[in-house]
Every structure is written in structure tokens, then in C-alpha cells.
């Protein structure tokens, strides 16, 4: 009885060793980890255009609100701006308005933007691409390089990633001077001159 059990255990151990040896090391180089610090660092913003629409601009505007007209009111739904990718290259990125955070600071000479991606979503996608433990290192590498995550590996592709894969974007923080972001909140109900 022990002989049969010993042979079965040996046979099982050989299968485990062979199957783990076939798969080799699993690919673990999530490209987001390489560019996370770059994206989250402040990048200079470039002025896009002057806007005369007081509902869609602020004094000293450095980014553009764009939207669509619905009835008598404008629906602002995205923010477009040019940001310094490095070497004075300014790609244009469009971000949903609900993902924009403004940080007004008393003295800021140049407005900046920082991008924060959803770590959970990026890691979930990466783990999905390399989840097969028997596929091996090269399979995992090819899976990531053929997916949308390949755009992380080249800094010049980051604007394209941000524009095309908004689901991975958690929020952006725009830091500007208080002068560029005045506090004149005006709602129709607060204006006694307007009819109700």
C-alpha cells in the first residue's frame, strides 16, 4: 500500500514541477508603475484661448471648458487643456468635468495639472492580462504590449491613453492661483433681480 502511495506522490510531484517549470516566471512589470510618478507630478498648463462666455471661463483663463447647448442653458461637460509633456511639447487632453479638481493657491505663477489614475482598475486590467500562470513570462509580456496598457511604456503615448481610456482616469488636479479661479458663485436663486 505504501509503495503505491509513494509512487502516486512522486508522480504528482513530477507533474507539479513540470507544469510550474513550463510556465516559468510570470510577467510582473505593470507599465503603470513606471509612469505613475511622472503622471502625478505637476505639469505646466498652456493657455488655449480667451473665452468671452462668462459661464464657461474665468479671468485669466488657461483652460477651455467645452460643452453643448441644450435649450436655453449651456451644459458644460468636459475640460480641454494643453499640458507640458516635456521639452516644450504640449499635447491636448480632454477630461470629463466631474473628474477635475481645482486647487486654488494664493501665489502660483504657472498653473499645473497632475493626473491620478485608478490604481485598482489598472491593476485589475494588468492582472487579467497575465492571469494564466502556465502561459509564462513571454505570453504575459505580449498580452500587455498588445493591450491599451502598452501606451504607458512611451511617454509620447500618454496623451492618447488619457484621451482614449477615460475609465482608468480617477481625477486630475489643476493647481492655479486664486486670481485665476475667482470666488464669484452666482446662482439664479441668489439674485433677487431675476424673476422666479
N, C-alpha and C. Protein backbone atom coordinates (compact mmCIF):
# COMPACT_ATOMS: atom_id res chain seq x y z
N UNK A 1 0.83 -1.19 0.00
CA UNK A 1 0.00 0.00 0.00
C UNK A 1 0.88 1.26 0.00
N UNK A 2 1.95 1.24 0.82
CA UNK A 2 2.81 2.41 0.87
C UNK A 2 3.56 2.60 -0.43
N UNK A 3 3.87 1.52 -1.11
CA UNK A 3 4.56 1.62 -2.38
C UNK A 3 3.71 2.33 -3.42
N UNK A 4 2.41 1.99 -3.47
CA UNK A 4 1.52 2.63 -4.44
C UNK A 4 1.33 4.11 -4.08
N UNK A 5 1.19 4.37 -2.78
CA UNK A 5 1.03 5.77 -2.34
C UNK A 5 2.28 6.57 -2.65
N UNK A 6 3.45 5.98 -2.45
CA UNK A 6 4.73 6.65 -2.71
C UNK A 6 4.90 6.96 -4.20
N UNK A 7 4.51 6.00 -5.05
CA UNK A 7 4.61 6.20 -6.50
C UNK A 7 3.65 7.30 -6.93
N UNK A 8 2.43 7.29 -6.37
CA UNK A 8 1.43 8.32 -6.70
C UNK A 8 1.93 9.71 -6.28
N UNK A 9 2.50 9.79 -5.08
CA UNK A 9 3.02 11.07 -4.59
C UNK A 9 4.18 11.55 -5.46
N UNK A 10 5.06 10.65 -5.84
CA UNK A 10 6.19 11.00 -6.70
C UNK A 10 5.71 11.47 -8.06
N UNK A 11 4.73 10.73 -8.63
CA UNK A 11 4.16 11.10 -9.92
C UNK A 11 3.50 12.48 -9.85
N UNK A 12 2.75 12.77 -8.78
CA UNK A 12 2.10 14.07 -8.59
C UNK A 12 3.13 15.18 -8.47
N UNK A 13 4.21 14.90 -7.74
CA UNK A 13 5.25 15.91 -7.57
C UNK A 13 5.92 16.23 -8.90
N UNK A 14 6.14 15.21 -9.72
CA UNK A 14 6.76 15.43 -11.04
C UNK A 14 5.85 16.28 -11.92
N UNK A 15 4.54 16.02 -11.89
CA UNK A 15 3.59 16.80 -12.69
C UNK A 15 3.60 18.26 -12.24
N UNK A 16 3.60 18.50 -10.93
CA UNK A 16 3.61 19.87 -10.41
C UNK A 16 4.89 20.59 -10.83
N UNK A 17 6.03 19.91 -10.72
CA UNK A 17 7.31 20.52 -11.09
C UNK A 17 7.35 20.82 -12.58
N UNK A 18 6.89 19.89 -13.40
CA UNK A 18 6.89 20.10 -14.84
C UNK A 18 5.96 21.24 -15.26
N UNK A 19 4.77 21.25 -14.67
CA UNK A 19 3.82 22.30 -15.07
C UNK A 19 4.28 23.67 -14.58
N UNK A 20 4.89 23.74 -13.41
CA UNK A 20 5.40 25.04 -12.97
C UNK A 20 6.65 25.43 -13.75
N UNK A 21 7.42 24.48 -14.17
CA UNK A 21 8.60 24.76 -14.97
C UNK A 21 8.24 25.21 -16.37
N UNK A 22 7.16 24.68 -16.93
CA UNK A 22 6.73 25.08 -18.28
C UNK A 22 6.29 26.53 -18.29
N UNK A 23 5.59 26.93 -17.26
CA UNK A 23 5.09 28.30 -17.22
C UNK A 23 6.20 29.30 -16.99
N UNK A 24 7.21 28.94 -16.23
CA UNK A 24 8.31 29.85 -15.94
C UNK A 24 7.85 31.00 -15.06
N UNK A 25 8.65 32.03 -15.05
CA UNK A 25 8.35 33.21 -14.25
C UNK A 25 7.17 33.99 -14.87
N UNK A 26 6.28 34.45 -14.02
CA UNK A 26 5.13 35.21 -14.51
C UNK A 26 5.53 36.67 -14.74
N UNK A 27 5.02 37.24 -15.81
CA UNK A 27 5.31 38.64 -16.16
C UNK A 27 4.74 39.54 -15.08
N UNK A 28 5.56 40.42 -14.50
CA UNK A 28 5.09 41.24 -13.39
C UNK A 28 5.44 42.72 -13.55
N UNK A 29 5.71 43.15 -14.77
CA UNK A 29 6.13 44.53 -14.98
C UNK A 29 4.95 45.39 -15.44
N UNK A 30 4.11 45.75 -14.50
CA UNK A 30 2.96 46.60 -14.80
C UNK A 30 3.48 47.95 -15.28
N UNK A 31 3.19 48.34 -16.53
CA UNK A 31 3.76 49.58 -17.07
C UNK A 31 3.30 50.83 -16.32
N UNK A 32 2.19 50.75 -15.61
CA UNK A 32 1.72 51.91 -14.85
C UNK A 32 2.71 52.29 -13.76
N UNK A 33 3.34 51.30 -13.17
CA UNK A 33 4.30 51.58 -12.10
C UNK A 33 5.48 52.40 -12.60
N UNK A 34 5.79 52.30 -13.88
CA UNK A 34 6.92 53.04 -14.44
C UNK A 34 6.60 54.52 -14.66
N UNK A 35 5.34 54.85 -14.90
CA UNK A 35 5.00 56.23 -15.24
C UNK A 35 4.13 56.92 -14.19
N UNK A 36 3.79 56.20 -13.14
CA UNK A 36 2.91 56.77 -12.11
C UNK A 36 3.47 58.08 -11.55
N UNK A 37 4.74 58.08 -11.19
CA UNK A 37 5.35 59.30 -10.61
C UNK A 37 5.32 60.44 -11.62
N UNK A 38 5.54 60.13 -12.89
CA UNK A 38 5.52 61.17 -13.93
C UNK A 38 4.12 61.77 -14.07
N UNK A 39 3.10 60.93 -14.12
CA UNK A 39 1.73 61.42 -14.29
C UNK A 39 1.26 62.25 -13.09
N UNK A 40 1.64 61.83 -11.89
CA UNK A 40 1.16 62.50 -10.68
C UNK A 40 1.96 63.76 -10.35
N UNK A 41 3.07 63.98 -11.04
CA UNK A 41 3.84 65.21 -10.84
C UNK A 41 3.13 66.37 -11.53
N UNK A 42 3.30 67.60 -11.04
CA UNK A 42 2.66 68.74 -11.70
C UNK A 42 3.27 69.02 -13.07
N UNK A 43 2.41 69.22 -14.06
CA UNK A 43 2.81 69.57 -15.42
C UNK A 43 2.25 70.95 -15.75
N UNK A 44 3.06 71.79 -16.33
CA UNK A 44 2.60 73.13 -16.67
C UNK A 44 1.45 73.07 -17.67
N UNK A 45 0.48 73.97 -17.48
CA UNK A 45 -0.62 74.11 -18.42
C UNK A 45 -0.31 75.23 -19.38
N UNK A 46 -0.83 75.12 -20.58
CA UNK A 46 -0.62 76.14 -21.61
C UNK A 46 -1.96 76.79 -21.92
N UNK A 47 -1.96 78.09 -22.04
CA UNK A 47 -3.20 78.81 -22.35
C UNK A 47 -3.70 78.39 -23.73
N UNK A 48 -4.99 78.09 -23.82
CA UNK A 48 -5.56 77.61 -25.06
C UNK A 48 -6.19 78.76 -25.87
N UNK A 49 -7.07 79.50 -25.23
CA UNK A 49 -7.77 80.58 -25.93
C UNK A 49 -8.46 81.47 -24.91
N UNK A 50 -8.76 82.65 -25.31
CA UNK A 50 -9.56 83.54 -24.48
C UNK A 50 -11.03 83.24 -24.75
N UNK A 51 -11.82 83.20 -23.73
CA UNK A 51 -13.24 82.94 -23.89
C UNK A 51 -14.02 84.12 -23.36
N UNK A 52 -15.04 84.54 -24.08
CA UNK A 52 -15.88 85.65 -23.65
C UNK A 52 -17.12 85.19 -22.91
N UNK A 53 -17.38 83.89 -22.91
CA UNK A 53 -18.56 83.35 -22.24
C UNK A 53 -18.29 83.26 -20.74
N UNK A 54 -18.92 84.14 -19.96
CA UNK A 54 -18.64 84.19 -18.53
C UNK A 54 -19.07 82.92 -17.82
N UNK A 55 -19.99 82.16 -18.41
CA UNK A 55 -20.40 80.91 -17.77
C UNK A 55 -19.37 79.82 -17.97
N UNK A 56 -18.51 79.99 -18.96
CA UNK A 56 -17.57 78.93 -19.28
C UNK A 56 -16.12 79.35 -19.14
N UNK A 57 -15.87 80.50 -18.56
CA UNK A 57 -14.49 80.93 -18.45
C UNK A 57 -14.25 81.58 -17.10
N UNK A 58 -12.99 81.76 -16.80
CA UNK A 58 -12.63 82.51 -15.61
C UNK A 58 -11.59 83.54 -16.04
N UNK A 59 -11.40 84.54 -15.22
CA UNK A 59 -10.45 85.59 -15.55
C UNK A 59 -9.05 84.99 -15.66
N UNK A 60 -8.32 85.36 -16.69
CA UNK A 60 -7.01 84.76 -16.89
C UNK A 60 -7.10 83.30 -17.27
N UNK A 61 -8.11 82.94 -18.05
CA UNK A 61 -8.37 81.54 -18.34
C UNK A 61 -7.15 80.86 -18.97
N UNK A 62 -6.86 79.64 -18.52
CA UNK A 62 -5.76 78.89 -19.07
C UNK A 62 -6.21 77.53 -19.55
N UNK A 63 -7.47 77.22 -19.39
CA UNK A 63 -8.00 76.00 -19.98
C UNK A 63 -9.40 76.29 -20.49
N UNK A 64 -9.87 75.43 -21.34
CA UNK A 64 -11.11 75.68 -22.07
C UNK A 64 -12.18 74.73 -21.60
N UNK A 65 -13.33 75.26 -21.22
CA UNK A 65 -14.49 74.43 -20.96
C UNK A 65 -15.23 74.26 -22.28
N UNK A 66 -15.60 73.07 -22.60
CA UNK A 66 -16.39 72.88 -23.80
C UNK A 66 -17.67 72.15 -23.42
N UNK A 67 -18.70 72.38 -24.18
CA UNK A 67 -19.96 71.76 -23.84
C UNK A 67 -20.90 71.76 -25.00
N UNK A 68 -22.14 71.52 -24.73
CA UNK A 68 -23.15 71.52 -25.78
C UNK A 68 -24.32 72.37 -25.32
N UNK A 69 -25.09 72.86 -26.26
CA UNK A 69 -26.23 73.71 -25.94
C UNK A 69 -27.48 72.84 -25.83
N UNK A 70 -28.21 73.01 -24.76
CA UNK A 70 -29.45 72.27 -24.56
C UNK A 70 -30.50 73.25 -24.07
N UNK A 71 -31.46 73.61 -24.94
CA UNK A 71 -32.46 74.61 -24.57
C UNK A 71 -31.81 75.96 -24.42
N UNK A 72 -32.08 76.64 -23.30
CA UNK A 72 -31.53 77.97 -23.06
C UNK A 72 -30.25 77.94 -22.22
N UNK A 73 -29.84 76.78 -21.76
CA UNK A 73 -28.67 76.74 -20.88
C UNK A 73 -27.56 75.90 -21.50
N UNK A 74 -26.33 76.27 -21.16
CA UNK A 74 -25.18 75.53 -21.65
C UNK A 74 -24.83 74.43 -20.67
N UNK A 75 -24.61 73.23 -21.19
CA UNK A 75 -24.22 72.10 -20.36
C UNK A 75 -22.72 71.91 -20.55
N UNK A 76 -21.97 72.18 -19.50
CA UNK A 76 -20.51 72.05 -19.55
C UNK A 76 -20.18 70.62 -19.14
N UNK A 77 -19.53 69.90 -20.04
CA UNK A 77 -19.29 68.50 -19.71
C UNK A 77 -17.83 68.05 -19.81
N UNK A 78 -16.94 68.86 -20.33
CA UNK A 78 -15.54 68.44 -20.37
C UNK A 78 -14.61 69.64 -20.31
N UNK A 79 -13.38 69.36 -19.97
CA UNK A 79 -12.35 70.38 -19.91
C UNK A 79 -11.25 69.97 -20.87
N UNK A 80 -10.85 70.90 -21.74
CA UNK A 80 -9.74 70.64 -22.65
C UNK A 80 -8.60 71.58 -22.30
N UNK A 81 -7.40 71.04 -22.29
CA UNK A 81 -6.24 71.88 -21.98
C UNK A 81 -5.00 71.24 -22.59
N UNK A 82 -3.98 72.05 -22.77
CA UNK A 82 -2.68 71.57 -23.23
C UNK A 82 -1.76 71.53 -22.02
N UNK A 83 -1.02 70.44 -21.87
CA UNK A 83 -0.12 70.28 -20.73
C UNK A 83 1.27 69.91 -21.22
N UNK A 84 2.25 70.30 -20.45
CA UNK A 84 3.65 70.13 -20.84
C UNK A 84 4.07 68.68 -20.64
N UNK A 85 4.27 67.99 -21.76
CA UNK A 85 4.72 66.60 -21.72
C UNK A 85 6.22 66.53 -21.49
N UNK A 86 6.90 67.63 -21.68
CA UNK A 86 8.36 67.70 -21.57
C UNK A 86 8.93 68.23 -22.87
N UNK A 87 10.05 68.92 -22.81
CA UNK A 87 10.70 69.50 -23.98
C UNK A 87 9.79 70.48 -24.72
N UNK A 88 8.96 71.20 -23.98
CA UNK A 88 8.01 72.17 -24.55
C UNK A 88 7.08 71.56 -25.59
N UNK A 89 6.67 70.32 -25.37
CA UNK A 89 5.66 69.67 -26.19
C UNK A 89 4.36 69.70 -25.40
N UNK A 90 3.30 70.27 -26.00
CA UNK A 90 2.03 70.44 -25.30
C UNK A 90 0.91 69.68 -26.01
N UNK A 91 0.67 68.44 -25.64
CA UNK A 91 -0.47 67.73 -26.23
C UNK A 91 -1.77 68.23 -25.60
N UNK A 92 -2.87 68.05 -26.32
CA UNK A 92 -4.19 68.48 -25.83
C UNK A 92 -4.93 67.26 -25.29
N UNK A 93 -5.47 67.42 -24.09
CA UNK A 93 -6.20 66.33 -23.44
C UNK A 93 -7.59 66.85 -23.09
N UNK A 94 -8.57 65.99 -23.24
CA UNK A 94 -9.94 66.30 -22.85
C UNK A 94 -10.30 65.42 -21.67
N UNK A 95 -10.82 66.04 -20.61
CA UNK A 95 -11.13 65.32 -19.37
C UNK A 95 -12.58 65.60 -18.99
N UNK A 96 -13.34 64.57 -18.60
CA UNK A 96 -14.70 64.83 -18.13
C UNK A 96 -14.69 65.79 -16.94
N UNK A 97 -15.62 66.71 -16.93
CA UNK A 97 -15.66 67.74 -15.90
C UNK A 97 -15.73 67.17 -14.49
N UNK A 98 -16.46 66.08 -14.32
CA UNK A 98 -16.61 65.52 -12.98
C UNK A 98 -15.32 64.91 -12.44
N UNK A 99 -14.30 64.76 -13.30
CA UNK A 99 -13.02 64.22 -12.84
C UNK A 99 -11.99 65.31 -12.59
N UNK A 100 -12.40 66.56 -12.69
CA UNK A 100 -11.48 67.68 -12.50
C UNK A 100 -11.59 68.20 -11.07
N UNK A 101 -10.46 68.40 -10.42
CA UNK A 101 -10.38 69.00 -9.08
C UNK A 101 -9.53 70.26 -9.23
N UNK A 102 -9.99 71.37 -8.67
CA UNK A 102 -9.26 72.63 -8.73
C UNK A 102 -8.66 72.92 -7.37
N UNK A 103 -7.37 73.25 -7.35
CA UNK A 103 -6.69 73.62 -6.10
C UNK A 103 -6.20 75.05 -6.25
N UNK A 104 -6.99 76.04 -5.80
CA UNK A 104 -6.52 77.43 -5.87
C UNK A 104 -5.53 77.70 -4.74
N UNK A 105 -4.41 78.29 -5.10
CA UNK A 105 -3.37 78.64 -4.13
C UNK A 105 -3.06 80.12 -4.33
N UNK A 106 -2.76 80.81 -3.25
CA UNK A 106 -2.60 82.26 -3.30
C UNK A 106 -1.58 82.72 -4.33
N UNK A 107 -0.40 82.12 -4.35
CA UNK A 107 0.63 82.58 -5.28
C UNK A 107 1.14 81.41 -6.12
N UNK A 108 0.61 81.29 -7.31
CA UNK A 108 1.08 80.30 -8.28
C UNK A 108 1.30 81.04 -9.57
N UNK A 109 2.53 81.04 -10.06
CA UNK A 109 2.83 81.76 -11.30
C UNK A 109 2.34 81.02 -12.52
N UNK A 110 2.55 79.71 -12.55
CA UNK A 110 2.16 78.91 -13.71
C UNK A 110 1.18 77.84 -13.24
N UNK A 111 -0.01 77.79 -13.83
CA UNK A 111 -0.95 76.74 -13.45
C UNK A 111 -0.44 75.37 -13.90
N UNK A 112 -0.73 74.34 -13.11
CA UNK A 112 -0.26 72.99 -13.40
C UNK A 112 -1.41 72.00 -13.33
N UNK A 113 -1.14 70.81 -13.88
CA UNK A 113 -2.10 69.71 -13.81
C UNK A 113 -1.34 68.44 -13.43
N UNK A 114 -1.99 67.61 -12.62
CA UNK A 114 -1.45 66.30 -12.25
C UNK A 114 -2.54 65.27 -12.50
N UNK A 115 -2.15 64.12 -13.04
CA UNK A 115 -3.10 63.06 -13.40
C UNK A 115 -3.01 61.91 -12.41
N UNK A 116 -4.15 61.47 -11.92
CA UNK A 116 -4.21 60.35 -11.00
C UNK A 116 -5.10 59.28 -11.61
N UNK A 117 -4.49 58.12 -11.87
CA UNK A 117 -5.25 57.02 -12.45
C UNK A 117 -5.77 56.13 -11.33
N UNK A 118 -6.78 55.35 -11.64
CA UNK A 118 -7.39 54.45 -10.68
C UNK A 118 -6.51 53.21 -10.54
N UNK A 119 -5.75 53.13 -9.46
CA UNK A 119 -4.84 52.00 -9.24
C UNK A 119 -5.56 50.66 -9.33
N UNK A 120 -6.74 50.59 -8.74
CA UNK A 120 -7.48 49.34 -8.71
C UNK A 120 -7.83 48.87 -10.12
N UNK A 121 -8.28 49.81 -10.96
CA UNK A 121 -8.65 49.44 -12.34
C UNK A 121 -7.43 49.06 -13.17
N UNK A 122 -6.34 49.81 -13.02
CA UNK A 122 -5.12 49.49 -13.77
C UNK A 122 -4.59 48.12 -13.36
N UNK A 123 -4.54 47.85 -12.05
CA UNK A 123 -4.05 46.56 -11.58
C UNK A 123 -4.98 45.42 -11.95
N UNK A 124 -6.28 45.68 -11.93
CA UNK A 124 -7.25 44.66 -12.33
C UNK A 124 -7.03 44.27 -13.79
N UNK A 125 -6.85 45.28 -14.65
CA UNK A 125 -6.63 45.02 -16.07
C UNK A 125 -5.31 44.28 -16.29
N UNK A 126 -4.25 44.72 -15.61
CA UNK A 126 -2.95 44.07 -15.74
C UNK A 126 -3.03 42.61 -15.29
N UNK A 127 -3.64 42.37 -14.13
CA UNK A 127 -3.76 41.00 -13.62
C UNK A 127 -4.58 40.11 -14.54
N UNK A 128 -5.59 40.68 -15.17
CA UNK A 128 -6.40 39.92 -16.12
C UNK A 128 -5.54 39.48 -17.32
N UNK A 129 -4.69 40.39 -17.78
CA UNK A 129 -3.87 40.09 -18.96
C UNK A 129 -2.81 39.02 -18.69
N UNK A 130 -2.33 38.93 -17.46
CA UNK A 130 -1.24 37.99 -17.13
C UNK A 130 -1.70 36.90 -16.17
N UNK A 131 -2.99 36.64 -16.08
CA UNK A 131 -3.52 35.74 -15.05
C UNK A 131 -3.19 34.27 -15.26
N UNK A 132 -2.91 33.84 -16.47
CA UNK A 132 -2.66 32.43 -16.73
C UNK A 132 -1.25 32.06 -16.24
N UNK A 133 -1.15 31.31 -15.12
CA UNK A 133 0.19 31.01 -14.58
C UNK A 133 0.98 30.05 -15.46
N UNK A 134 0.32 29.32 -16.35
CA UNK A 134 1.03 28.38 -17.21
C UNK A 134 1.50 29.02 -18.50
N UNK A 135 1.04 30.23 -18.78
CA UNK A 135 1.35 30.87 -20.05
C UNK A 135 2.80 31.35 -20.11
N UNK A 136 3.33 31.77 -19.00
CA UNK A 136 4.73 32.16 -18.96
C UNK A 136 4.98 33.65 -19.17
N UNK A 137 6.23 34.01 -18.97
CA UNK A 137 6.67 35.39 -18.99
C UNK A 137 6.43 36.06 -20.35
N UNK A 138 6.84 35.40 -21.42
CA UNK A 138 6.71 36.00 -22.75
C UNK A 138 5.26 36.20 -23.15
N UNK A 139 4.40 35.25 -22.80
CA UNK A 139 2.98 35.41 -23.11
C UNK A 139 2.40 36.63 -22.38
N UNK A 140 2.72 36.76 -21.10
CA UNK A 140 2.24 37.91 -20.33
C UNK A 140 2.75 39.22 -20.88
N UNK A 141 4.02 39.26 -21.27
CA UNK A 141 4.61 40.47 -21.84
C UNK A 141 3.90 40.85 -23.14
N UNK A 142 3.69 39.87 -24.00
CA UNK A 142 2.99 40.15 -25.27
C UNK A 142 1.56 40.60 -25.03
N UNK A 143 0.89 40.00 -24.05
CA UNK A 143 -0.50 40.38 -23.76
C UNK A 143 -0.58 41.84 -23.33
N UNK A 144 0.35 42.27 -22.49
CA UNK A 144 0.35 43.67 -22.03
C UNK A 144 0.75 44.60 -23.18
N UNK A 145 1.76 44.21 -23.95
CA UNK A 145 2.22 45.07 -25.05
C UNK A 145 1.20 45.19 -26.17
N UNK A 146 0.28 44.25 -26.29
CA UNK A 146 -0.76 44.33 -27.32
C UNK A 146 -2.05 44.95 -26.80
N UNK A 147 -2.09 45.31 -25.53
CA UNK A 147 -3.29 45.90 -24.94
C UNK A 147 -3.14 47.42 -24.89
N UNK A 148 -4.17 48.09 -24.38
CA UNK A 148 -4.12 49.54 -24.24
C UNK A 148 -3.04 49.97 -23.24
N UNK A 149 -2.61 49.08 -22.36
CA UNK A 149 -1.59 49.42 -21.38
C UNK A 149 -0.22 49.65 -22.03
N UNK A 150 -0.05 49.22 -23.29
CA UNK A 150 1.23 49.44 -23.97
C UNK A 150 1.52 50.94 -24.09
N UNK A 151 0.46 51.77 -24.07
CA UNK A 151 0.65 53.22 -24.22
C UNK A 151 1.37 53.82 -23.01
N UNK A 152 1.44 53.08 -21.91
CA UNK A 152 2.17 53.57 -20.74
C UNK A 152 3.68 53.53 -20.95
N UNK A 153 4.15 52.65 -21.80
CA UNK A 153 5.59 52.44 -21.91
C UNK A 153 6.30 53.58 -22.62
N UNK A 154 5.57 54.39 -23.37
CA UNK A 154 6.17 55.51 -24.09
C UNK A 154 5.50 56.80 -23.65
N UNK A 155 6.26 57.73 -23.15
CA UNK A 155 5.72 58.99 -22.65
C UNK A 155 4.91 59.73 -23.71
N UNK A 156 5.32 59.64 -24.96
CA UNK A 156 4.60 60.32 -26.04
C UNK A 156 3.21 59.74 -26.27
N UNK A 157 2.96 58.51 -25.83
CA UNK A 157 1.65 57.89 -25.99
C UNK A 157 0.69 58.17 -24.83
N UNK A 158 1.19 58.78 -23.75
CA UNK A 158 0.34 59.03 -22.59
C UNK A 158 -0.86 59.92 -22.90
N UNK A 159 -0.71 61.01 -23.69
CA UNK A 159 -1.90 61.81 -24.01
C UNK A 159 -2.97 61.00 -24.73
N UNK A 160 -2.54 60.13 -25.63
CA UNK A 160 -3.51 59.27 -26.33
C UNK A 160 -4.21 58.35 -25.33
N UNK A 161 -3.45 57.80 -24.40
CA UNK A 161 -4.06 56.92 -23.39
C UNK A 161 -5.10 57.70 -22.58
N UNK A 162 -4.73 58.91 -22.14
CA UNK A 162 -5.65 59.70 -21.31
C UNK A 162 -6.91 60.08 -22.09
N UNK A 163 -6.78 60.36 -23.38
CA UNK A 163 -7.95 60.72 -24.18
C UNK A 163 -8.84 59.53 -24.50
N UNK A 164 -8.24 58.38 -24.75
CA UNK A 164 -9.00 57.22 -25.23
C UNK A 164 -9.47 56.28 -24.12
N UNK A 165 -8.88 56.35 -22.95
CA UNK A 165 -9.21 55.39 -21.89
C UNK A 165 -9.58 56.12 -20.61
N UNK A 166 -10.65 56.89 -20.67
CA UNK A 166 -11.08 57.70 -19.54
C UNK A 166 -11.50 56.86 -18.33
N UNK A 167 -11.85 55.60 -18.56
CA UNK A 167 -12.26 54.75 -17.46
C UNK A 167 -11.15 54.51 -16.45
N UNK A 168 -9.90 54.62 -16.87
CA UNK A 168 -8.78 54.43 -15.96
C UNK A 168 -8.42 55.71 -15.21
N UNK A 169 -8.95 56.83 -15.64
CA UNK A 169 -8.63 58.11 -15.01
C UNK A 169 -9.50 58.32 -13.78
N UNK A 170 -8.85 58.49 -12.63
CA UNK A 170 -9.59 58.72 -11.39
C UNK A 170 -9.97 60.19 -11.28
N UNK A 171 -8.99 61.07 -11.39
CA UNK A 171 -9.22 62.52 -11.39
C UNK A 171 -7.95 63.23 -11.79
N UNK A 172 -8.09 64.52 -12.13
CA UNK A 172 -6.94 65.38 -12.37
C UNK A 172 -7.04 66.55 -11.40
N UNK A 173 -5.89 67.03 -10.97
CA UNK A 173 -5.85 68.18 -10.07
C UNK A 173 -5.19 69.33 -10.81
N UNK A 174 -5.96 70.39 -11.00
CA UNK A 174 -5.44 71.61 -11.61
C UNK A 174 -5.13 72.58 -10.48
N UNK A 175 -3.88 72.99 -10.39
CA UNK A 175 -3.45 73.96 -9.38
C UNK A 175 -3.26 75.29 -10.07
N UNK A 176 -3.92 76.32 -9.54
CA UNK A 176 -3.83 77.64 -10.15
C UNK A 176 -3.87 78.70 -9.04
N UNK A 177 -3.60 79.92 -9.42
CA UNK A 177 -3.67 81.00 -8.43
C UNK A 177 -5.13 81.33 -8.15
N UNK A 178 -5.36 81.91 -6.99
CA UNK A 178 -6.73 82.32 -6.65
C UNK A 178 -7.23 83.38 -7.62
N UNK A 179 -6.32 84.12 -8.22
CA UNK A 179 -6.68 85.13 -9.21
C UNK A 179 -7.30 84.48 -10.45
N UNK A 180 -6.81 83.30 -10.82
CA UNK A 180 -7.34 82.58 -11.97
C UNK A 180 -8.62 81.82 -11.66
N UNK A 181 -8.93 81.68 -10.40
CA UNK A 181 -10.13 80.95 -10.01
C UNK A 181 -10.90 81.79 -8.98
N UNK A 182 -11.56 82.85 -9.44
CA UNK A 182 -12.22 83.77 -8.50
C UNK A 182 -13.42 83.11 -7.82
N UNK A 183 -13.78 83.66 -6.68
CA UNK A 183 -14.91 83.15 -5.92
C UNK A 183 -16.14 84.00 -6.17
N UNK A 184 -16.71 83.92 -7.35
CA UNK A 184 -17.96 84.62 -7.57
C UNK A 184 -19.01 83.59 -7.95
N UNK A 185 -19.52 82.93 -6.93
CA UNK A 185 -20.56 81.93 -7.11
C UNK A 185 -21.88 82.67 -7.22
N UNK A 186 -22.54 82.50 -8.34
CA UNK A 186 -23.78 83.22 -8.57
C UNK A 186 -24.84 82.26 -9.09
N UNK A 187 -25.79 81.96 -8.26
CA UNK A 187 -26.90 81.10 -8.65
C UNK A 187 -28.12 81.96 -8.92
N UNK A 188 -29.00 81.55 -9.83
CA UNK A 188 -30.20 82.36 -10.10
C UNK A 188 -31.03 82.64 -8.85
N UNK A 189 -31.10 81.70 -7.92
CA UNK A 189 -31.90 81.91 -6.71
C UNK A 189 -31.28 82.95 -5.78
N UNK A 190 -29.98 83.19 -5.93
CA UNK A 190 -29.30 84.18 -5.09
C UNK A 190 -29.43 85.59 -5.63
N UNK A 191 -29.90 85.73 -6.84
CA UNK A 191 -30.03 87.04 -7.48
C UNK A 191 -31.46 87.55 -7.33
N UNK A 192 -31.72 88.54 -6.46
CA UNK A 192 -33.10 88.99 -6.21
C UNK A 192 -33.71 89.69 -7.41
N UNK A 193 -32.89 90.14 -8.39
CA UNK A 193 -33.43 90.88 -9.53
C UNK A 193 -34.05 89.96 -10.57
N UNK A 194 -33.69 88.68 -10.53
CA UNK A 194 -34.22 87.77 -11.53
C UNK A 194 -35.59 87.27 -11.13
N UNK A 195 -36.55 87.22 -12.09
CA UNK A 195 -37.88 86.71 -11.77
C UNK A 195 -37.84 85.22 -11.47
N UNK A 196 -38.74 84.80 -10.60
CA UNK A 196 -38.80 83.37 -10.25
C UNK A 196 -39.79 82.64 -11.11
